[in-house]
Amino acid sequence: ILSLAALSISFTTSNLQADTLADVMKTEGIDNMLGTWVDADTNGEMLRITYKWKIKGHSIEVNLKTEDSTSSALIVFDQASEEVLHMGVNSKGELGRGTWSAQNGVAILDLTQTDADGQEVEMKISHKVVDKNSMTLGFEMKATGEGGELALVRPAKKAKKKTQGK
C-alpha cells in the first residue's frame, strides 16, 4: 500500500491564475516538498522518494524506491484545465494517475492505481511538510476508509571516509 501511496502526484487548483507548475506550487505553499525524503525509521531502506525538477518550473520527476518496487512519475501543469497532472509507472507494471488539491499548505492526491491485470485501487494521499526536515505522508483507501501515516525525514548525511596517506 505504501508504494501505491507515494507513486503518483498531480495537483488540482481551483480558480488559480498560474502559468507554470512552479507558480502553482509556490501559490499553494507546497514547493517545500521538493527534494528527497526517507522513512524516519530506516533512513531510506524502507522508502525513499525524491521530487526534483525535470524541466525547471514546468515538470517534476518523482522517483520512489520501496522494499519491493521502484517507480518513476512525471508531474506537469495543464494550463487549459488548471490541473497539475501526473502519470507514473512502477517496476511491477502498475500505472498511477491522479489529481492533487492543496489545502492549507497540504498537498492532497486523489490517485487511481491500475495493476498489470487492470484492477484499480483508488486512494487519497496527503503530503504535509511539518518543517524543512520532516513531512507526514498520509494515505486512505477510498473503498474501505482504511489508511495510515508515515513520518518522512530528509536523509541523514553519510560520513565521508578519510583516506589515509602512505
N, C-alpha and C. Protein backbone atom coordinates (compact mmCIF):
# COMPACT_ATOMS: atom_id res chain seq x y z
N ILE A 1 0.84 -1.19 0.00
CA ILE A 1 0.00 0.00 0.00
C ILE A 1 0.87 1.24 0.00
N LEU A 2 1.97 1.20 0.74
CA LEU A 2 2.83 2.38 0.83
C LEU A 2 3.39 2.78 -0.52
N SER A 3 3.82 1.79 -1.31
CA SER A 3 4.35 2.14 -2.62
C SER A 3 3.25 2.71 -3.50
N LEU A 4 2.03 2.23 -3.35
CA LEU A 4 0.90 2.81 -4.08
C LEU A 4 0.68 4.24 -3.62
N ALA A 5 0.80 4.47 -2.33
CA ALA A 5 0.51 5.78 -1.77
C ALA A 5 1.45 6.84 -2.28
N ALA A 6 2.68 6.51 -2.48
CA ALA A 6 3.65 7.52 -2.85
C ALA A 6 3.95 7.57 -4.33
N LEU A 7 3.34 6.71 -5.13
CA LEU A 7 3.70 6.61 -6.54
C LEU A 7 3.32 7.83 -7.35
N SER A 8 2.13 8.36 -7.21
CA SER A 8 1.61 9.31 -8.16
C SER A 8 1.34 10.66 -7.55
N ILE A 9 1.58 11.69 -8.36
CA ILE A 9 1.30 13.03 -7.88
C ILE A 9 0.79 13.90 -9.00
N SER A 10 -0.28 14.64 -8.77
CA SER A 10 -0.75 15.71 -9.65
C SER A 10 -1.61 16.65 -8.83
N PHE A 11 -1.55 17.92 -9.13
CA PHE A 11 -2.24 18.92 -8.33
C PHE A 11 -3.41 19.52 -9.08
N THR A 12 -4.55 19.66 -8.42
CA THR A 12 -5.69 20.36 -8.98
C THR A 12 -5.78 21.69 -8.28
N THR A 13 -5.93 22.74 -9.04
CA THR A 13 -6.04 24.06 -8.46
C THR A 13 -7.37 24.66 -8.84
N SER A 14 -8.01 25.32 -7.89
CA SER A 14 -9.30 25.93 -8.18
C SER A 14 -9.13 27.44 -8.25
N ASN A 15 -9.66 28.01 -9.32
CA ASN A 15 -9.60 29.46 -9.53
C ASN A 15 -8.20 30.02 -9.38
N LEU A 16 -7.22 29.32 -9.92
CA LEU A 16 -5.83 29.73 -9.80
C LEU A 16 -5.35 30.26 -11.14
N GLN A 17 -4.81 31.45 -11.13
CA GLN A 17 -4.24 32.04 -12.32
C GLN A 17 -2.74 31.78 -12.29
N ALA A 18 -2.33 30.65 -12.84
CA ALA A 18 -0.92 30.29 -12.83
C ALA A 18 -0.45 29.96 -14.23
N ASP A 19 0.82 30.24 -14.48
CA ASP A 19 1.40 29.94 -15.78
C ASP A 19 2.25 28.68 -15.77
N THR A 20 2.81 28.34 -14.63
CA THR A 20 3.72 27.20 -14.56
C THR A 20 3.44 26.36 -13.32
N LEU A 21 4.01 25.18 -13.30
CA LEU A 21 3.93 24.31 -12.13
C LEU A 21 4.58 25.00 -10.92
N ALA A 22 5.68 25.66 -11.15
CA ALA A 22 6.35 26.37 -10.05
C ALA A 22 5.42 27.42 -9.45
N ASP A 23 4.67 28.15 -10.30
CA ASP A 23 3.71 29.15 -9.81
C ASP A 23 2.66 28.49 -8.92
N VAL A 24 2.12 27.36 -9.37
CA VAL A 24 1.09 26.65 -8.61
C VAL A 24 1.62 26.24 -7.25
N MET A 25 2.79 25.61 -7.26
CA MET A 25 3.34 25.11 -6.01
C MET A 25 3.64 26.24 -5.03
N LYS A 26 4.19 27.32 -5.53
CA LYS A 26 4.51 28.45 -4.65
C LYS A 26 3.23 29.08 -4.11
N THR A 27 2.23 29.29 -4.97
CA THR A 27 0.97 29.89 -4.55
C THR A 27 0.27 29.04 -3.49
N GLU A 28 0.32 27.73 -3.66
CA GLU A 28 -0.36 26.81 -2.73
C GLU A 28 0.49 26.49 -1.50
N GLY A 29 1.74 26.96 -1.47
CA GLY A 29 2.60 26.74 -0.32
C GLY A 29 3.09 25.31 -0.19
N ILE A 30 3.26 24.63 -1.34
CA ILE A 30 3.69 23.23 -1.29
C ILE A 30 5.04 23.01 -1.98
N ASP A 31 5.73 24.08 -2.35
CA ASP A 31 7.03 23.94 -3.01
C ASP A 31 8.09 23.39 -2.06
N ASN A 32 7.83 23.41 -0.76
CA ASN A 32 8.80 22.90 0.20
C ASN A 32 8.85 21.37 0.25
N MET A 33 8.01 20.69 -0.55
CA MET A 33 8.09 19.23 -0.58
C MET A 33 9.12 18.72 -1.59
N LEU A 34 9.72 19.63 -2.38
CA LEU A 34 10.77 19.22 -3.31
C LEU A 34 11.98 18.70 -2.55
N GLY A 35 12.68 17.78 -3.17
CA GLY A 35 13.87 17.20 -2.56
C GLY A 35 13.66 15.73 -2.24
N THR A 36 14.55 15.18 -1.45
CA THR A 36 14.49 13.76 -1.11
C THR A 36 14.00 13.59 0.32
N TRP A 37 13.13 12.58 0.49
CA TRP A 37 12.55 12.22 1.78
C TRP A 37 12.71 10.72 1.97
N VAL A 38 12.94 10.29 3.19
CA VAL A 38 13.08 8.87 3.51
C VAL A 38 12.25 8.57 4.75
N ASP A 39 11.95 7.27 4.94
CA ASP A 39 11.24 6.90 6.16
C ASP A 39 12.14 7.16 7.35
N ALA A 40 11.55 7.65 8.42
CA ALA A 40 12.32 8.06 9.59
C ALA A 40 12.97 6.88 10.30
N ASP A 41 12.34 5.71 10.23
CA ASP A 41 12.84 4.56 10.99
C ASP A 41 14.11 3.95 10.42
N THR A 42 14.23 3.88 9.07
CA THR A 42 15.37 3.17 8.47
C THR A 42 16.26 4.07 7.62
N ASN A 43 16.00 5.38 7.61
CA ASN A 43 16.76 6.33 6.80
C ASN A 43 16.79 5.92 5.32
N GLY A 44 15.65 5.42 4.83
CA GLY A 44 15.52 5.16 3.40
C GLY A 44 15.60 3.71 2.97
N GLU A 45 15.85 2.79 3.88
CA GLU A 45 15.88 1.39 3.48
C GLU A 45 14.48 0.88 3.13
N MET A 46 13.45 1.42 3.80
CA MET A 46 12.07 1.02 3.53
C MET A 46 11.44 1.87 2.42
N LEU A 47 11.69 3.18 2.46
CA LEU A 47 11.10 4.08 1.49
C LEU A 47 12.01 5.29 1.26
N ARG A 48 12.17 5.63 -0.02
CA ARG A 48 12.94 6.82 -0.41
C ARG A 48 12.18 7.43 -1.57
N ILE A 49 11.82 8.71 -1.45
CA ILE A 49 11.09 9.39 -2.52
C ILE A 49 11.76 10.74 -2.79
N THR A 50 11.96 11.01 -4.07
CA THR A 50 12.60 12.25 -4.48
C THR A 50 11.71 12.98 -5.47
N TYR A 51 11.46 14.26 -5.19
CA TYR A 51 10.74 15.16 -6.09
C TYR A 51 11.77 16.16 -6.60
N LYS A 52 12.07 16.15 -7.90
CA LYS A 52 13.06 17.09 -8.43
C LYS A 52 12.58 17.63 -9.77
N TRP A 53 13.01 18.84 -10.08
CA TRP A 53 12.64 19.45 -11.35
C TRP A 53 13.25 18.63 -12.49
N LYS A 54 12.42 18.22 -13.42
CA LYS A 54 12.88 17.58 -14.65
C LYS A 54 13.12 18.68 -15.69
N ILE A 55 12.14 19.57 -15.81
CA ILE A 55 12.27 20.79 -16.60
C ILE A 55 11.92 21.92 -15.64
N LYS A 56 12.92 22.70 -15.26
CA LYS A 56 12.79 23.72 -14.22
C LYS A 56 11.51 24.54 -14.37
N GLY A 57 10.67 24.50 -13.35
CA GLY A 57 9.45 25.29 -13.30
C GLY A 57 8.26 24.66 -13.99
N HIS A 58 8.48 23.61 -14.78
CA HIS A 58 7.40 23.06 -15.61
C HIS A 58 7.06 21.60 -15.34
N SER A 59 8.01 20.78 -14.98
CA SER A 59 7.70 19.37 -14.69
C SER A 59 8.62 18.85 -13.59
N ILE A 60 8.03 18.02 -12.75
CA ILE A 60 8.76 17.40 -11.65
C ILE A 60 8.82 15.90 -11.91
N GLU A 61 10.00 15.35 -11.73
CA GLU A 61 10.18 13.91 -11.80
C GLU A 61 10.12 13.39 -10.37
N VAL A 62 9.33 12.34 -10.17
CA VAL A 62 9.22 11.70 -8.86
C VAL A 62 9.81 10.30 -8.98
N ASN A 63 10.76 10.01 -8.14
CA ASN A 63 11.35 8.67 -8.08
C ASN A 63 11.10 8.10 -6.70
N LEU A 64 10.55 6.89 -6.67
CA LEU A 64 10.22 6.23 -5.42
C LEU A 64 10.87 4.86 -5.39
N LYS A 65 11.50 4.56 -4.26
CA LYS A 65 12.08 3.23 -4.06
C LYS A 65 11.55 2.71 -2.74
N THR A 66 10.92 1.53 -2.78
CA THR A 66 10.47 0.86 -1.57
C THR A 66 11.18 -0.48 -1.47
N GLU A 67 10.84 -1.24 -0.47
CA GLU A 67 11.47 -2.56 -0.29
C GLU A 67 11.16 -3.49 -1.46
N ASP A 68 9.99 -3.32 -2.09
CA ASP A 68 9.59 -4.27 -3.13
C ASP A 68 9.39 -3.69 -4.52
N SER A 69 9.60 -2.40 -4.72
CA SER A 69 9.45 -1.85 -6.07
C SER A 69 10.13 -0.49 -6.20
N THR A 70 10.31 -0.10 -7.44
CA THR A 70 10.76 1.24 -7.77
C THR A 70 9.73 1.84 -8.72
N SER A 71 9.65 3.15 -8.73
CA SER A 71 8.70 3.80 -9.64
C SER A 71 9.24 5.15 -10.07
N SER A 72 8.67 5.62 -11.17
CA SER A 72 9.02 6.92 -11.71
C SER A 72 7.74 7.57 -12.20
N ALA A 73 7.63 8.87 -11.99
CA ALA A 73 6.44 9.60 -12.40
C ALA A 73 6.83 11.00 -12.85
N LEU A 74 5.95 11.61 -13.60
CA LEU A 74 6.15 12.98 -14.06
C LEU A 74 4.92 13.80 -13.67
N ILE A 75 5.17 15.00 -13.14
CA ILE A 75 4.12 15.92 -12.73
C ILE A 75 4.21 17.14 -13.64
N VAL A 76 3.07 17.54 -14.23
CA VAL A 76 3.04 18.73 -15.10
C VAL A 76 1.78 19.53 -14.84
N PHE A 77 1.81 20.82 -15.18
CA PHE A 77 0.65 21.70 -15.05
C PHE A 77 -0.01 21.88 -16.40
N ASP A 78 -1.30 21.55 -16.48
CA ASP A 78 -2.10 21.75 -17.68
C ASP A 78 -2.80 23.10 -17.55
N GLN A 79 -2.32 24.09 -18.29
CA GLN A 79 -2.87 25.44 -18.19
C GLN A 79 -4.33 25.51 -18.62
N ALA A 80 -4.73 24.71 -19.60
CA ALA A 80 -6.11 24.74 -20.09
C ALA A 80 -7.10 24.32 -19.01
N SER A 81 -6.79 23.24 -18.29
CA SER A 81 -7.71 22.75 -17.26
C SER A 81 -7.37 23.27 -15.87
N GLU A 82 -6.23 23.95 -15.75
CA GLU A 82 -5.71 24.44 -14.47
C GLU A 82 -5.52 23.30 -13.48
N GLU A 83 -5.07 22.14 -14.00
CA GLU A 83 -4.75 20.99 -13.16
C GLU A 83 -3.28 20.65 -13.30
N VAL A 84 -2.72 20.18 -12.21
CA VAL A 84 -1.39 19.63 -12.27
C VAL A 84 -1.57 18.12 -12.36
N LEU A 85 -1.07 17.55 -13.44
CA LEU A 85 -1.33 16.15 -13.77
C LEU A 85 -0.12 15.27 -13.50
N HIS A 86 -0.40 14.01 -13.28
CA HIS A 86 0.66 13.04 -13.02
C HIS A 86 0.41 11.77 -13.82
N MET A 87 1.51 11.16 -14.25
CA MET A 87 1.45 9.82 -14.84
C MET A 87 2.71 9.11 -14.39
N GLY A 88 2.55 7.92 -13.83
CA GLY A 88 3.71 7.18 -13.36
C GLY A 88 3.54 5.69 -13.54
N VAL A 89 4.64 4.97 -13.39
CA VAL A 89 4.64 3.51 -13.50
C VAL A 89 5.66 2.97 -12.52
N ASN A 90 5.39 1.75 -12.01
CA ASN A 90 6.37 1.13 -11.13
C ASN A 90 6.94 -0.13 -11.76
N SER A 91 7.89 -0.75 -11.07
CA SER A 91 8.59 -1.91 -11.61
C SER A 91 7.71 -3.15 -11.71
N LYS A 92 6.49 -3.08 -11.20
CA LYS A 92 5.53 -4.18 -11.33
C LYS A 92 4.58 -3.96 -12.51
N GLY A 93 4.79 -2.84 -13.23
CA GLY A 93 3.92 -2.52 -14.36
C GLY A 93 2.63 -1.82 -13.96
N GLU A 94 2.52 -1.37 -12.73
CA GLU A 94 1.32 -0.68 -12.27
C GLU A 94 1.40 0.79 -12.67
N LEU A 95 0.30 1.30 -13.24
CA LEU A 95 0.23 2.69 -13.66
C LEU A 95 -0.49 3.50 -12.59
N GLY A 96 -0.04 4.73 -12.40
CA GLY A 96 -0.69 5.63 -11.46
C GLY A 96 -1.08 6.92 -12.15
N ARG A 97 -2.32 7.34 -11.91
CA ARG A 97 -2.83 8.61 -12.44
C ARG A 97 -3.62 9.29 -11.34
N GLY A 98 -3.56 10.62 -11.30
CA GLY A 98 -4.32 11.29 -10.26
C GLY A 98 -4.33 12.79 -10.42
N THR A 99 -5.04 13.44 -9.52
CA THR A 99 -5.06 14.89 -9.45
C THR A 99 -4.86 15.30 -7.99
N TRP A 100 -4.23 16.44 -7.82
CA TRP A 100 -3.95 16.96 -6.48
C TRP A 100 -4.80 18.18 -6.20
N SER A 101 -5.10 18.38 -4.94
CA SER A 101 -5.61 19.65 -4.45
C SER A 101 -4.70 20.05 -3.31
N ALA A 102 -4.71 21.31 -2.97
CA ALA A 102 -3.89 21.77 -1.85
C ALA A 102 -4.79 22.53 -0.89
N GLN A 103 -4.68 22.20 0.38
CA GLN A 103 -5.45 22.88 1.41
C GLN A 103 -4.53 23.23 2.56
N ASN A 104 -4.45 24.51 2.85
CA ASN A 104 -3.63 24.98 3.98
C ASN A 104 -2.20 24.44 3.93
N GLY A 105 -1.60 24.44 2.75
CA GLY A 105 -0.23 24.00 2.60
C GLY A 105 -0.04 22.49 2.59
N VAL A 106 -1.13 21.74 2.56
CA VAL A 106 -1.05 20.28 2.49
C VAL A 106 -1.45 19.86 1.08
N ALA A 107 -0.59 19.11 0.41
CA ALA A 107 -0.87 18.61 -0.93
C ALA A 107 -1.63 17.29 -0.80
N ILE A 108 -2.81 17.23 -1.43
CA ILE A 108 -3.67 16.04 -1.31
C ILE A 108 -3.88 15.43 -2.68
N LEU A 109 -3.49 14.19 -2.83
CA LEU A 109 -3.57 13.47 -4.09
C LEU A 109 -4.76 12.53 -4.10
N ASP A 110 -5.56 12.60 -5.14
CA ASP A 110 -6.58 11.59 -5.43
C ASP A 110 -5.99 10.73 -6.52
N LEU A 111 -5.65 9.49 -6.17
CA LEU A 111 -4.86 8.60 -7.02
C LEU A 111 -5.66 7.38 -7.45
N THR A 112 -5.52 7.02 -8.71
CA THR A 112 -6.01 5.73 -9.20
C THR A 112 -4.80 4.93 -9.64
N GLN A 113 -4.63 3.76 -9.02
CA GLN A 113 -3.52 2.86 -9.33
C GLN A 113 -4.11 1.67 -10.08
N THR A 114 -3.57 1.37 -11.26
CA THR A 114 -4.04 0.24 -12.05
C THR A 114 -2.92 -0.78 -12.18
N ASP A 115 -3.20 -2.03 -11.74
CA ASP A 115 -2.16 -3.06 -11.82
C ASP A 115 -2.13 -3.70 -13.21
N ALA A 116 -1.19 -4.61 -13.42
CA ALA A 116 -0.99 -5.23 -14.72
C ALA A 116 -2.21 -6.02 -15.20
N ASP A 117 -3.08 -6.44 -14.28
CA ASP A 117 -4.30 -7.17 -14.63
C ASP A 117 -5.50 -6.26 -14.85
N GLY A 118 -5.30 -4.94 -14.75
CA GLY A 118 -6.38 -3.99 -14.96
C GLY A 118 -7.21 -3.68 -13.73
N GLN A 119 -6.83 -4.20 -12.57
CA GLN A 119 -7.56 -3.92 -11.33
C GLN A 119 -7.18 -2.52 -10.84
N GLU A 120 -8.19 -1.75 -10.45
CA GLU A 120 -7.94 -0.38 -9.99
C GLU A 120 -8.11 -0.26 -8.48
N VAL A 121 -7.24 0.53 -7.89
CA VAL A 121 -7.32 0.88 -6.48
C VAL A 121 -7.31 2.40 -6.42
N GLU A 122 -8.27 2.98 -5.67
CA GLU A 122 -8.32 4.43 -5.52
C GLU A 122 -7.97 4.79 -4.09
N MET A 123 -7.16 5.83 -3.94
CA MET A 123 -6.77 6.28 -2.62
C MET A 123 -6.55 7.78 -2.60
N LYS A 124 -6.53 8.31 -1.41
CA LYS A 124 -6.24 9.72 -1.17
C LYS A 124 -4.95 9.76 -0.36
N ILE A 125 -4.01 10.59 -0.82
CA ILE A 125 -2.69 10.68 -0.19
C ILE A 125 -2.41 12.13 0.15
N SER A 126 -1.97 12.39 1.37
CA SER A 126 -1.62 13.76 1.76
C SER A 126 -0.14 13.86 2.05
N HIS A 127 0.42 15.01 1.70
CA HIS A 127 1.82 15.32 1.97
C HIS A 127 1.82 16.60 2.80
N LYS A 128 2.14 16.48 4.07
CA LYS A 128 2.17 17.64 4.95
C LYS A 128 3.60 17.87 5.43
N VAL A 129 4.21 18.94 4.92
CA VAL A 129 5.55 19.27 5.37
C VAL A 129 5.43 19.95 6.73
N VAL A 130 6.03 19.32 7.73
CA VAL A 130 5.97 19.81 9.11
C VAL A 130 6.99 20.92 9.30
N ASP A 131 8.21 20.68 8.86
CA ASP A 131 9.28 21.67 8.86
C ASP A 131 10.25 21.28 7.75
N LYS A 132 11.36 21.99 7.61
CA LYS A 132 12.24 21.74 6.47
C LYS A 132 12.84 20.33 6.46
N ASN A 133 12.79 19.63 7.59
CA ASN A 133 13.38 18.30 7.66
C ASN A 133 12.40 17.17 7.95
N SER A 134 11.10 17.46 7.99
CA SER A 134 10.14 16.40 8.26
C SER A 134 8.82 16.61 7.52
N MET A 135 8.24 15.51 7.08
CA MET A 135 6.98 15.53 6.35
C MET A 135 6.17 14.31 6.77
N THR A 136 4.85 14.46 6.83
CA THR A 136 3.96 13.34 7.12
C THR A 136 3.26 12.94 5.84
N LEU A 137 3.37 11.68 5.48
CA LEU A 137 2.69 11.12 4.32
C LEU A 137 1.51 10.32 4.86
N GLY A 138 0.30 10.76 4.51
CA GLY A 138 -0.90 10.07 4.95
C GLY A 138 -1.59 9.43 3.77
N PHE A 139 -2.27 8.31 3.99
CA PHE A 139 -3.00 7.67 2.90
C PHE A 139 -4.28 7.04 3.42
N GLU A 140 -5.29 7.03 2.55
CA GLU A 140 -6.58 6.45 2.87
C GLU A 140 -7.12 5.75 1.63
N MET A 141 -7.51 4.50 1.79
CA MET A 141 -8.13 3.74 0.69
C MET A 141 -9.55 4.24 0.55
N LYS A 142 -9.96 4.67 -0.66
CA LYS A 142 -11.29 5.23 -0.84
C LYS A 142 -12.40 4.21 -0.62
N ALA A 143 -12.19 2.96 -1.01
CA ALA A 143 -13.24 1.95 -0.90
C ALA A 143 -13.54 1.56 0.55
N THR A 144 -12.50 1.51 1.38
CA THR A 144 -12.66 1.00 2.74
C THR A 144 -12.49 2.05 3.83
N GLY A 145 -11.86 3.16 3.49
CA GLY A 145 -11.57 4.17 4.51
C GLY A 145 -10.35 3.83 5.35
N GLU A 146 -9.74 2.67 5.10
CA GLU A 146 -8.53 2.28 5.84
C GLU A 146 -7.36 3.15 5.41
N GLY A 147 -6.46 3.40 6.34
CA GLY A 147 -5.32 4.23 5.98
C GLY A 147 -4.29 4.27 7.08
N GLY A 148 -3.42 5.23 6.98
CA GLY A 148 -2.36 5.39 7.96
C GLY A 148 -1.48 6.56 7.62
N GLU A 149 -0.43 6.72 8.40
CA GLU A 149 0.53 7.80 8.20
C GLU A 149 1.94 7.24 8.32
N LEU A 150 2.85 7.93 7.66
CA LEU A 150 4.26 7.58 7.73
C LEU A 150 5.06 8.86 7.90
N ALA A 151 5.96 8.87 8.87
CA ALA A 151 6.84 10.02 9.09
C ALA A 151 8.02 9.93 8.14
N LEU A 152 8.23 10.99 7.37
CA LEU A 152 9.38 11.07 6.47
C LEU A 152 10.30 12.18 6.94
N VAL A 153 11.58 12.00 6.66
CA VAL A 153 12.58 12.99 7.03
C VAL A 153 13.55 13.17 5.87
N ARG A 154 14.33 14.21 5.92
CA ARG A 154 15.42 14.35 4.95
C ARG A 154 16.45 13.28 5.29
N PRO A 155 17.10 12.70 4.28
CA PRO A 155 18.06 11.63 4.58
C PRO A 155 19.25 12.15 5.38
N ALA A 156 19.72 11.28 6.28
CA ALA A 156 20.90 11.62 7.07
C ALA A 156 22.10 11.64 6.14
N LYS A 157 22.98 12.58 6.38
CA LYS A 157 24.21 12.66 5.58
C LYS A 157 25.12 11.51 5.98
N LYS A 158 25.70 10.88 4.99
CA LYS A 158 26.66 9.81 5.27
C LYS A 158 28.02 10.43 5.54
N ALA A 159 28.67 9.91 6.53
CA ALA A 159 30.00 10.40 6.88
C ALA A 159 30.98 10.03 5.77
N LYS A 160 31.80 10.98 5.40
CA LYS A 160 32.82 10.71 4.37
C LYS A 160 33.98 9.98 5.03
N LYS A 161 34.43 8.96 4.36
CA LYS A 161 35.57 8.20 4.87
C LYS A 161 36.86 8.94 4.52
N LYS A 162 37.72 9.05 5.52
CA LYS A 162 39.00 9.68 5.27
C LYS A 162 39.97 8.63 4.75
N THR A 163 40.70 9.02 3.74
CA THR A 163 41.70 8.10 3.19
C THR A 163 43.04 8.40 3.86
N GLN A 164 43.70 7.34 4.22
CA GLN A 164 45.00 7.53 4.88
C GLN A 164 46.10 7.59 3.84
N GLY A 165 46.97 8.54 3.97
CA GLY A 165 48.11 8.68 3.08
C GLY A 165 49.19 7.68 3.41
N LYS A 166 50.08 7.40 2.45
CA LYS A 166 51.17 6.46 2.67
C LYS A 166 52.36 7.13 3.27
